[in-house]
Amino acid sequence: MYTAPLPFTKGENMQKENYQKLIEQKLQSLPLYVYYYTQQPNLAVTTIYQYLSEYERFFTWLRTTQTMSTNDDHKLICTATSNKDISIDTLKNLQASQVQQYLIDCQSTENKQNKITSKITINRTIHALRSLFHYLTVVADLNNGEPYFYRNVMLKIPFYKGVKESISYRNVKYGPQLYMGEKKFEWIHFIENDYENTISKHAIRYFKFNKERDIAIIALLLASGLRISELVNLNIHDLNIIDRSVLVIRKGGKKDAALIADWAIPYLKKYLHVRNTRYQPNKQLKAIFITRYRETAKRIDTSTIQRFVEKYSIAFPDGSRTTPHKLRHSLGTEIYNKSMDVVAVATQLGHTGLSATDQYIQQANKEKQRMILNQK
């Protein structure tokens, strides 16, 4: 039934194609109304995939959980034999107490790291379900121009308040993972000159093949604050070396132009100088950052970048294990420390609001607070 492709624009990269295949696989076992939900514009492919995973888990729970009502002993909430067969009436008649029961069950379940699901993760589940129910009760017009139903039980489900970690705690905890000031230059110098001395002879060949690319990516993350998803989607024509900027599609499809710190430009030039001869991409491959797999060049994916960022940071004697997101956070912290300007941080990182910059304000206030504590 689900043969129509999702509405991606022309020239979508390999990563999105891979996600689309995974999405289409998931849709095979989900109801038709979920497929229509995914056809909405401005839904990021990664968001669709994550939300479908949430719906799979929720629908499976509906089919395997007994109702809490005393009048319906041992009666399942939904009697459908598969997730695909769950009718719209099941969601229409769902009770708030049943949704709360599901969230409690989720919170008491251990994740893959054998840890109890956090409130932050539960809030993501609520957000995913709210999105689906909003579509079914407001946006959808497949029922003779009307939504599927009007009663939205998710409006009765509040987000979980409170987090286990304060901003101060997070700043201390993740501070070693930030690469700012001279530390970032020392790290890049280590990758350029010393990293190969820490690996086996077998691994050196692969490292040298991708050396310029990997350093260019790390430099761009540290010098622009791009999200990893934004970086992998970059095409050649998006990069302006002379203007030292890059065109980027932010969350929600917003077009933006991110500035690049001057120090990173030489690393980008070194990579671009070897890109074509080393990776031998065909003319149709417009991605800036590419990899070579089974004699074929393709756009690099996020998992590859995550792996080598972690690998290089673990090997660095003066650093700690870090992630591409922490490199983005490194630049945000640096900008605020130098400017004390939350607007400058938000503008560079592509934040849609200023609330996301609270962590940088808190970090900058730490030294001031220490001075007050030490006053005699």
Protein backbone atom coordinates (compact mmCIF):
# COMPACT_ATOMS: atom_id res chain seq x y z
CA MET A 1 0.00 0.00 0.00
CA TYR A 2 2.77 2.44 0.94
CA THR A 3 4.54 2.73 -2.38
CA ALA A 4 4.51 6.51 -2.79
CA PRO A 5 7.81 8.14 -1.74
CA LEU A 6 7.92 10.79 0.94
CA PRO A 7 7.98 14.33 -0.47
CA PHE A 8 11.69 15.09 -0.42
CA THR A 9 13.05 17.75 -2.77
CA LYS A 10 15.29 17.06 -5.74
CA GLY A 11 18.89 16.34 -4.90
CA GLU A 12 18.32 14.94 -1.40
CA ASN A 13 21.45 13.31 -0.10
CA MET A 14 22.23 9.68 0.53
CA GLN A 15 21.54 9.98 4.23
CA LYS A 16 17.97 11.10 3.58
CA GLU A 17 17.54 8.28 1.08
CA ASN A 18 18.63 5.80 3.74
CA TYR A 19 16.23 7.32 6.23
CA GLN A 20 13.43 7.18 3.68
CA LYS A 21 13.98 3.44 3.23
CA LEU A 22 13.80 2.94 6.99
CA ILE A 23 10.69 5.11 7.18
CA GLU A 24 8.97 3.18 4.41
CA GLN A 25 9.77 -0.06 6.22
CA LYS A 26 8.20 1.23 9.42
CA LEU A 27 5.13 2.49 7.59
CA GLN A 28 4.44 -1.01 6.32
CA SER A 29 3.43 -2.00 9.85
CA LEU A 30 1.58 1.18 10.84
CA PRO A 31 -1.96 2.42 10.06
CA LEU A 32 -2.69 4.45 6.94
CA TYR A 33 -3.45 7.58 8.94
CA VAL A 34 0.14 7.57 10.21
CA TYR A 35 1.34 7.49 6.60
CA TYR A 36 -0.77 10.56 5.83
CA TYR A 37 0.71 12.22 8.91
CA THR A 38 4.22 11.83 7.46
CA GLN A 39 3.18 13.63 4.27
CA GLN A 40 2.98 16.99 6.01
CA PRO A 41 5.47 19.61 4.77
CA ASN A 42 8.33 20.87 6.95
CA LEU A 43 8.78 17.59 8.83
CA ALA A 44 12.48 16.72 9.02
CA VAL A 45 13.28 13.20 7.86
CA THR A 46 15.07 12.43 11.13
CA THR A 47 12.03 13.64 13.09
CA ILE A 48 9.70 11.43 11.07
CA TYR A 49 11.88 8.39 11.72
CA GLN A 50 12.12 9.08 15.46
CA TYR A 51 8.38 9.72 15.77
CA LEU A 52 7.50 6.52 13.90
CA SER A 53 9.63 4.61 16.38
CA GLU A 54 7.60 6.23 19.19
CA TYR A 55 4.32 5.29 17.49
CA GLU A 56 5.46 1.69 17.04
CA ARG A 57 6.18 1.41 20.73
CA PHE A 58 2.91 3.14 21.74
CA PHE A 59 0.72 1.05 19.44
CA THR A 60 2.36 -2.18 20.61
CA TRP A 61 1.65 -1.13 24.19
CA LEU A 62 -2.03 -0.47 23.35
CA ARG A 63 -2.39 -3.99 21.97
CA THR A 64 -0.69 -5.74 24.87
CA THR A 65 -1.90 -3.80 27.91
CA GLN A 66 -5.03 -4.38 29.93
CA THR A 67 -7.33 -1.48 30.68
CA MET A 68 -7.29 -0.11 34.22
CA SER A 69 -11.09 -0.01 34.41
CA THR A 70 -12.59 -2.26 37.12
CA ASN A 71 -15.54 -3.01 34.83
CA ASP A 72 -13.35 -4.52 32.13
CA ASP A 73 -11.17 -7.05 33.92
CA HIS A 74 -8.45 -8.53 31.72
CA LYS A 75 -9.69 -6.57 28.69
CA LEU A 76 -6.99 -5.17 26.44
CA ILE A 77 -7.06 -1.46 25.60
CA CYS A 78 -7.00 -2.41 21.91
CA THR A 79 -7.91 -5.78 20.42
CA ALA A 80 -6.23 -5.25 17.04
CA THR A 81 -3.98 -8.13 16.04
CA SER A 82 -1.27 -5.85 14.64
CA ASN A 83 -0.21 -2.22 14.90
CA LYS A 84 -1.31 -1.69 11.31
CA ASP A 85 -4.86 -2.66 12.22
CA ILE A 86 -5.30 -0.18 15.08
CA SER A 87 -8.36 1.83 14.13
CA ILE A 88 -8.78 5.56 14.44
CA ASP A 89 -11.53 4.91 17.01
CA THR A 90 -8.94 3.51 19.42
CA LEU A 91 -7.16 6.87 19.50
CA LYS A 92 -10.42 8.79 19.46
CA ASN A 93 -11.67 7.01 22.60
CA LEU A 94 -8.36 6.84 24.42
CA GLN A 95 -8.53 7.96 28.05
CA ALA A 96 -6.04 10.32 29.69
CA SER A 97 -5.51 7.77 32.45
CA GLN A 98 -4.43 5.22 29.84
CA VAL A 99 -1.89 7.59 28.33
CA GLN A 100 -0.56 8.36 31.80
CA GLN A 101 -0.31 4.63 32.46
CA TYR A 102 1.77 4.28 29.28
CA LEU A 103 4.13 7.08 30.33
CA ILE A 104 4.57 5.52 33.77
CA ASP A 105 5.38 2.20 32.13
CA CYS A 106 7.90 3.93 29.87
CA GLN A 107 9.54 5.64 32.81
CA SER A 108 9.94 2.37 34.67
CA THR A 109 11.52 0.62 31.67
CA GLU A 110 15.29 0.38 31.33
CA ASN A 111 16.85 1.64 28.11
CA LYS A 112 19.68 0.02 26.14
CA GLN A 113 22.21 1.45 28.61
CA ASN A 114 20.35 -0.27 31.48
CA LYS A 115 19.23 3.09 32.83
CA ILE A 116 15.72 4.19 33.74
CA THR A 117 14.15 6.40 31.06
CA SER A 118 14.65 10.07 31.96
CA LYS A 119 12.01 12.77 32.16
CA ILE A 120 13.60 14.43 29.15
CA THR A 121 13.04 11.27 27.10
CA ILE A 122 9.45 10.98 28.37
CA ASN A 123 8.82 14.56 27.25
CA ARG A 124 10.04 13.62 23.77
CA THR A 125 7.52 10.79 23.75
CA ILE A 126 4.76 13.21 24.75
CA HIS A 127 5.85 15.64 22.06
CA ALA A 128 5.70 12.90 19.41
CA LEU A 129 2.20 11.81 20.47
CA ARG A 130 1.00 15.41 20.65
CA SER A 131 2.18 15.94 17.09
CA LEU A 132 0.22 12.93 15.82
CA PHE A 133 -2.95 13.81 17.72
CA HIS A 134 -2.75 17.44 16.57
CA TYR A 135 -2.65 16.21 12.99
CA LEU A 136 -5.58 13.84 13.51
CA THR A 137 -7.78 16.42 15.27
CA VAL A 138 -6.82 19.68 13.54
CA VAL A 139 -4.68 19.40 10.42
CA ALA A 140 -6.06 16.35 8.60
CA ASP A 141 -8.85 16.99 6.11
CA LEU A 142 -9.22 13.58 4.46
CA ASN A 143 -12.62 13.01 6.08
CA ASN A 144 -14.66 15.13 3.64
CA GLY A 145 -12.62 18.17 4.60
CA GLU A 146 -12.85 17.40 8.32
CA PRO A 147 -10.22 15.98 10.69
CA TYR A 148 -10.50 12.36 11.76
CA PHE A 149 -11.96 13.37 15.13
CA TYR A 150 -12.03 16.38 17.45
CA ARG A 151 -11.34 15.07 20.95
CA ASN A 152 -7.57 15.41 21.58
CA VAL A 153 -6.68 13.45 24.70
CA MET A 154 -3.05 14.60 24.51
CA LEU A 155 -4.12 18.14 25.48
CA LYS A 156 -4.78 16.68 28.93
CA ILE A 157 -1.26 15.29 29.22
CA PRO A 158 1.25 17.81 30.62
CA PHE A 159 4.96 17.67 30.01
CA TYR A 160 7.03 16.42 32.91
CA LYS A 161 8.44 19.31 34.93
CA GLY A 162 11.88 19.44 36.40
CA VAL A 163 15.15 17.94 35.28
CA LYS A 164 17.69 16.00 37.27
CA GLU A 165 20.61 18.21 36.23
CA SER A 166 20.90 21.96 36.82
CA ILE A 167 22.65 24.13 34.24
CA SER A 168 25.58 24.58 36.65
CA TYR A 169 25.88 20.82 37.06
CA ARG A 170 25.81 20.28 33.29
CA ASN A 171 28.46 22.97 32.74
CA VAL A 172 30.82 21.28 35.22
CA LYS A 173 30.01 17.80 33.91
CA TYR A 174 30.45 18.61 30.22
CA GLY A 175 33.11 21.33 30.52
CA PRO A 176 35.99 18.92 29.75
CA GLN A 177 34.21 17.96 26.50
CA LEU A 178 34.37 21.53 25.22
CA TYR A 179 37.17 22.53 22.85
CA MET A 180 37.76 26.26 23.09
CA GLY A 181 40.64 28.72 22.79
CA GLU A 182 44.07 27.17 22.39
CA LYS A 183 42.70 23.73 23.23
CA LYS A 184 40.90 23.44 19.89
CA PHE A 185 44.05 24.41 17.96
CA GLU A 186 46.17 21.96 19.97
CA TRP A 187 43.65 19.20 19.25
CA ILE A 188 43.71 19.85 15.50
CA HIS A 189 47.53 20.00 15.60
CA PHE A 190 47.53 16.63 17.38
CA ILE A 191 45.32 15.08 14.70
CA GLU A 192 47.52 16.53 11.95
CA ASN A 193 50.87 15.52 13.38
CA ASP A 194 50.68 13.01 16.21
CA TYR A 195 47.50 10.93 15.96
CA GLU A 196 48.97 8.41 13.52
CA ASN A 197 51.58 7.51 16.14
CA THR A 198 48.79 6.21 18.40
CA ILE A 199 47.25 3.75 15.93
CA SER A 200 48.25 0.50 14.24
CA LYS A 201 49.99 0.36 10.87
CA HIS A 202 46.84 -1.17 9.43
CA ALA A 203 44.77 1.85 10.50
CA ILE A 204 47.25 4.47 9.28
CA ARG A 205 46.35 4.02 5.62
CA TYR A 206 42.66 4.66 6.24
CA PHE A 207 43.45 7.64 8.49
CA LYS A 208 45.72 9.29 5.93
CA PHE A 209 43.14 8.80 3.19
CA ASN A 210 40.52 10.79 5.16
CA LYS A 211 42.82 13.04 7.17
CA GLU A 212 42.15 16.32 5.36
CA ARG A 213 38.41 15.65 5.27
CA ASP A 214 38.15 14.79 8.94
CA ILE A 215 40.14 17.83 10.06
CA ALA A 216 38.11 20.10 7.76
CA ILE A 217 34.87 18.81 9.29
CA ILE A 218 36.09 19.27 12.85
CA ALA A 219 37.36 22.75 12.01
CA LEU A 220 34.05 23.72 10.43
CA LEU A 221 32.05 22.43 13.41
CA LEU A 222 34.23 24.43 15.80
CA ALA A 223 34.37 27.54 13.59
CA SER A 224 30.69 27.77 12.62
CA GLY A 225 28.67 25.92 15.28
CA LEU A 226 26.70 23.99 12.67
CA ARG A 227 24.58 21.07 13.77
CA ILE A 228 25.92 17.78 12.45
CA SER A 229 22.73 17.28 10.41
CA GLU A 230 23.25 20.70 8.82
CA LEU A 231 26.87 19.93 7.99
CA VAL A 232 26.25 16.62 6.22
CA ASN A 233 23.58 18.27 4.05
CA LEU A 234 25.94 20.95 2.73
CA ASN A 235 26.60 21.08 -1.01
CA ILE A 236 29.57 22.60 -2.84
CA HIS A 237 27.64 25.69 -3.92
CA ASP A 238 26.66 26.40 -0.30
CA LEU A 239 30.22 27.22 0.72
CA ASN A 240 31.61 30.70 0.06
CA ILE A 241 35.33 30.63 0.82
CA ILE A 242 35.86 34.29 -0.07
CA ASP A 243 33.01 35.54 2.10
CA ARG A 244 33.85 32.93 4.77
CA SER A 245 30.26 31.79 5.15
CA VAL A 246 28.05 28.84 4.36
CA LEU A 247 24.40 28.61 3.37
CA VAL A 248 22.51 26.17 5.58
CA ILE A 249 19.01 24.83 6.06
CA ARG A 250 18.15 25.09 9.75
CA LYS A 251 15.48 23.25 11.70
CA GLY A 252 12.01 23.67 10.22
CA GLY A 253 13.45 24.39 6.76
CA LYS A 254 14.65 27.89 7.65
CA LYS A 255 17.37 29.15 5.29
CA ASP A 256 20.34 30.80 6.97
CA ALA A 257 23.90 31.93 6.28
CA ALA A 258 26.38 30.95 8.99
CA LEU A 259 29.71 32.75 9.28
CA ILE A 260 32.93 30.74 9.49
CA ALA A 261 35.88 31.81 11.64
CA ASP A 262 38.86 32.76 9.48
CA TRP A 263 41.20 30.22 11.09
CA ALA A 264 39.20 27.30 9.65
CA ILE A 265 39.40 28.37 6.01
CA PRO A 266 42.87 26.86 5.31
CA TYR A 267 41.66 23.46 6.51
CA LEU A 268 38.64 23.64 4.22
CA LYS A 269 40.87 24.60 1.29
CA LYS A 270 43.21 21.65 1.95
CA TYR A 271 40.29 19.24 1.85
CA LEU A 272 38.69 20.78 -1.23
CA HIS A 273 42.05 20.56 -2.99
CA VAL A 274 42.06 16.74 -2.68
CA ARG A 275 38.30 16.08 -2.72
CA ASN A 276 37.90 15.20 -6.39
CA THR A 277 41.17 13.37 -7.02
CA ARG A 278 41.02 11.30 -3.85
CA TYR A 279 37.32 10.40 -3.62
CA GLN A 280 36.57 10.55 -7.37
CA PRO A 281 32.90 11.57 -7.07
CA ASN A 282 30.68 11.66 -10.13
CA LYS A 283 29.50 15.04 -11.34
CA GLN A 284 26.04 14.55 -9.83
CA LEU A 285 27.41 14.28 -6.27
CA LYS A 286 27.28 17.86 -5.00
CA ALA A 287 27.96 17.16 -1.33
CA ILE A 288 30.93 18.99 0.16
CA PHE A 289 31.90 16.19 2.50
CA ILE A 290 31.99 12.73 1.02
CA THR A 291 33.32 9.27 1.73
CA ARG A 292 34.33 6.38 -0.46
CA TYR A 293 32.65 3.01 0.07
CA ARG A 294 33.04 -0.03 -2.18
CA GLU A 295 34.77 2.03 -4.85
CA THR A 296 31.92 4.56 -4.91
CA ALA A 297 31.88 8.10 -3.53
CA LYS A 298 28.85 9.17 -1.55
CA ARG A 299 27.77 11.85 0.88
CA ILE A 300 29.16 11.32 4.37
CA ASP A 301 26.64 10.42 7.08
CA THR A 302 26.31 11.61 10.66
CA SER A 303 27.39 8.32 12.22
CA THR A 304 30.77 8.46 10.45
CA ILE A 305 31.43 11.94 11.80
CA GLN A 306 30.32 10.99 15.30
CA ARG A 307 32.71 8.05 15.28
CA PHE A 308 35.83 9.92 14.23
CA VAL A 309 35.15 12.94 16.47
CA GLU A 310 34.92 10.55 19.41
CA LYS A 311 37.99 8.60 18.25
CA TYR A 312 40.22 11.67 17.86
CA SER A 313 39.09 13.23 21.14
CA ILE A 314 39.73 10.05 23.13
CA ALA A 315 43.24 9.82 21.68
CA PHE A 316 44.06 13.47 22.47
CA PRO A 317 46.13 13.47 25.71
CA ASP A 318 44.89 16.89 26.85
CA GLY A 319 41.23 16.35 26.02
CA SER A 320 38.17 14.29 26.83
CA ARG A 321 35.74 12.30 24.75
CA THR A 322 33.46 14.70 22.92
CA THR A 323 30.72 14.78 20.30
CA PRO A 324 29.81 17.00 17.33
CA HIS A 325 27.08 18.60 19.47
CA LYS A 326 29.63 19.49 22.13
CA LEU A 327 31.77 21.13 19.44
CA ARG A 328 28.77 23.28 18.55
CA HIS A 329 28.34 24.06 22.25
CA SER A 330 32.04 24.96 22.42
CA LEU A 331 31.58 27.77 19.91
CA GLY A 332 28.43 29.04 21.62
CA THR A 333 30.29 29.23 24.92
CA GLU A 334 33.25 31.02 23.32
CA ILE A 335 31.07 33.59 21.62
CA TYR A 336 29.22 34.43 24.82
CA ASN A 337 32.40 34.57 26.92
CA LYS A 338 33.88 37.10 24.49
CA SER A 339 30.78 39.18 23.78
CA MET A 340 28.30 38.62 26.64
CA ASP A 341 25.75 38.92 23.84
CA VAL A 342 23.02 36.25 23.74
CA VAL A 343 21.78 37.59 20.40
CA ALA A 344 25.21 36.97 18.86
CA VAL A 345 25.11 33.38 20.13
CA ALA A 346 21.57 32.79 18.88
CA THR A 347 22.36 34.31 15.48
CA GLN A 348 25.49 32.21 14.91
CA LEU A 349 23.97 28.94 16.11
CA GLY A 350 20.63 29.44 14.37
CA HIS A 351 18.49 29.39 17.51
CA THR A 352 14.90 30.45 16.93
CA GLY A 353 14.66 31.93 20.44
CA LEU A 354 16.93 33.17 23.20
CA SER A 355 15.97 30.61 25.84
CA ALA A 356 18.51 28.14 24.43
CA THR A 357 21.32 30.55 25.34
CA ASP A 358 20.65 30.36 29.10
CA GLN A 359 23.40 27.77 29.50
CA TYR A 360 26.01 30.18 28.18
CA ILE A 361 24.91 32.95 30.53
CA GLN A 362 25.15 30.57 33.47
CA GLN A 363 28.63 29.44 32.44
CA ALA A 364 29.90 33.03 32.10
CA ASN A 365 28.49 33.99 35.51
CA LYS A 366 30.46 31.23 37.25
CA GLU A 367 33.68 33.25 37.65
CA LYS A 368 31.75 36.28 38.89
CA GLN A 369 30.03 34.09 41.47
CA ARG A 370 33.40 32.68 42.55
CA MET A 371 34.75 36.20 43.13
CA ILE A 372 31.78 37.00 45.35
CA LEU A 373 32.32 33.81 47.37
CA ASN A 374 35.99 34.63 47.90
CA GLN A 375 35.49 38.24 48.98
CA LYS A 376 36.77 38.91 52.49
